[in-house]
Amino acid sequence: MKKLFFTALLIALISTPALATVSIDAKASLLMEAETGKVLHEFNAHEKLPPASVTKVMTMLLIYEALAQERIKWDDVVTVSAHAASMGGSQIFLEQEERQTVRDLTKSIVIASANDAAVAMAEFVAGSEEAFVTQMNNKARALGMENTNFANACGLDADGHLTTAHDIALMSRELIIKYPEVFDYTKTRLDTITHKTARGEEEFGLTNTNRLIRSYSGATGLKTGSTSQALYCISATAEKEGMQLIAVVLAAPDPAIRFDGAMKMLDYGYANYALIAKEETGTPMGEIKIYKGATESSPVVIKEQVNMLAPKGKHVTLDGEVIIAEALDAPLPAGTTAGEVIYTWEGTEVGRSELIIPEDIERVSAGEMMNRLFKRWVFNN
């Protein structure tokens, strides 16, 4: 394994007026940059609290995962059960035996926070709400949501149905990074579905519960929630200057404070931080020996652009380490991993990317291998 160490100075970013602190009248809050996962602000971020309909971030994540895996399709028809139709709270007033598409139920969950639609989709994806809740908790464990336990798919108050601001940020990040198409609905202000029941067809309006979509420049989502126990909650997402932020507020005393708190955190993040692209995809970072290949060496290049979060108004000196394998045996397809590059700032890792071989390398013929060996013997004697 070959290692190369280097230092790179990033050009100072244009300084902007910074907010000294973020103070929010809520039991818990957290601000996270989505690409790196770096936490920029937190207050009681690991306290277990009821999340209300912010629960549906996990419900949405599992729905989009099922769609990506083609276990369900947008045009599949779901028959609403008596259990799903019985949900209270925010709803679209589904009736037992009513039939709706996955698409219309999903947009009802995302836009209007419909509890009945969430449970109907939970049953469709997993067979029962109980089985779906098991999937929710399994996914929570996989994402490192150590202080979360879900008891239902919609977020109505229930014993043991608890999570944290930190854990909500983790599942929100997973959803928007893996399935950015969710923004098609989270950014929608108004839409409709059509109820089809024994009484005939009736149009029903959907209004986005997230006021930030209308009032905050760059807002992209994500999910609001409120119950008597949870008070007012939100996982708010926004994108400006190529940077996505996630602002979580739990247990605010009224809806205005919930939204204002999210906006304060988003303003703080955009005023004080920026994402900096260090190396673009395909940038050469060294060479590697190839044994038995049509070529005896190959460049190694950055697999994915390295973006790092840095404070505005400062010079940032990065330390870099390029690690490349000593050699690889042909044949090798393009994209074969050959090493990695790791960037650190003040001793903390801030970015990394795999290094890959950019082109296919065929195995050398026996004749050419003998010719190479002969030439080496001649020139070494």
Foldseek 3Di string as FASTA:
>chain_A
DDKDKDKDWDDFFAAFDFDPDADFQFQWKWKAWQPQRDTPDIDQQFDKFQAFQLLLLLLLQLLVVCCVVVVDHQFDKFFQAPVLQPDDDFAQNADHRWIDGNNVLSLCCWFRLHSSSSQSVLCVRQVHQVRSQVVSVVVLVVLVQVRAHCDGRRRDDDPRHIGGNSSSSSSNSVCCVVPVVSLVRFLDAKDWDWTQDPVGIDITITGGPDCCSVVPPFWRGGDWGDDPRWHTWGFTWGDDPRIIMTMIGTGRNHHVSRNVSSVSSVVNDVNWKDKDWDFAWFQFDAKEAEPQWPDGMFTWTFHHTKIFMDTHRDIFMKMKMWDFDNYYYDQDAWFAFGTKMWIDTPRHTGTMTTITGHHTIHGHDPVVVVVVVVVVVVVVD
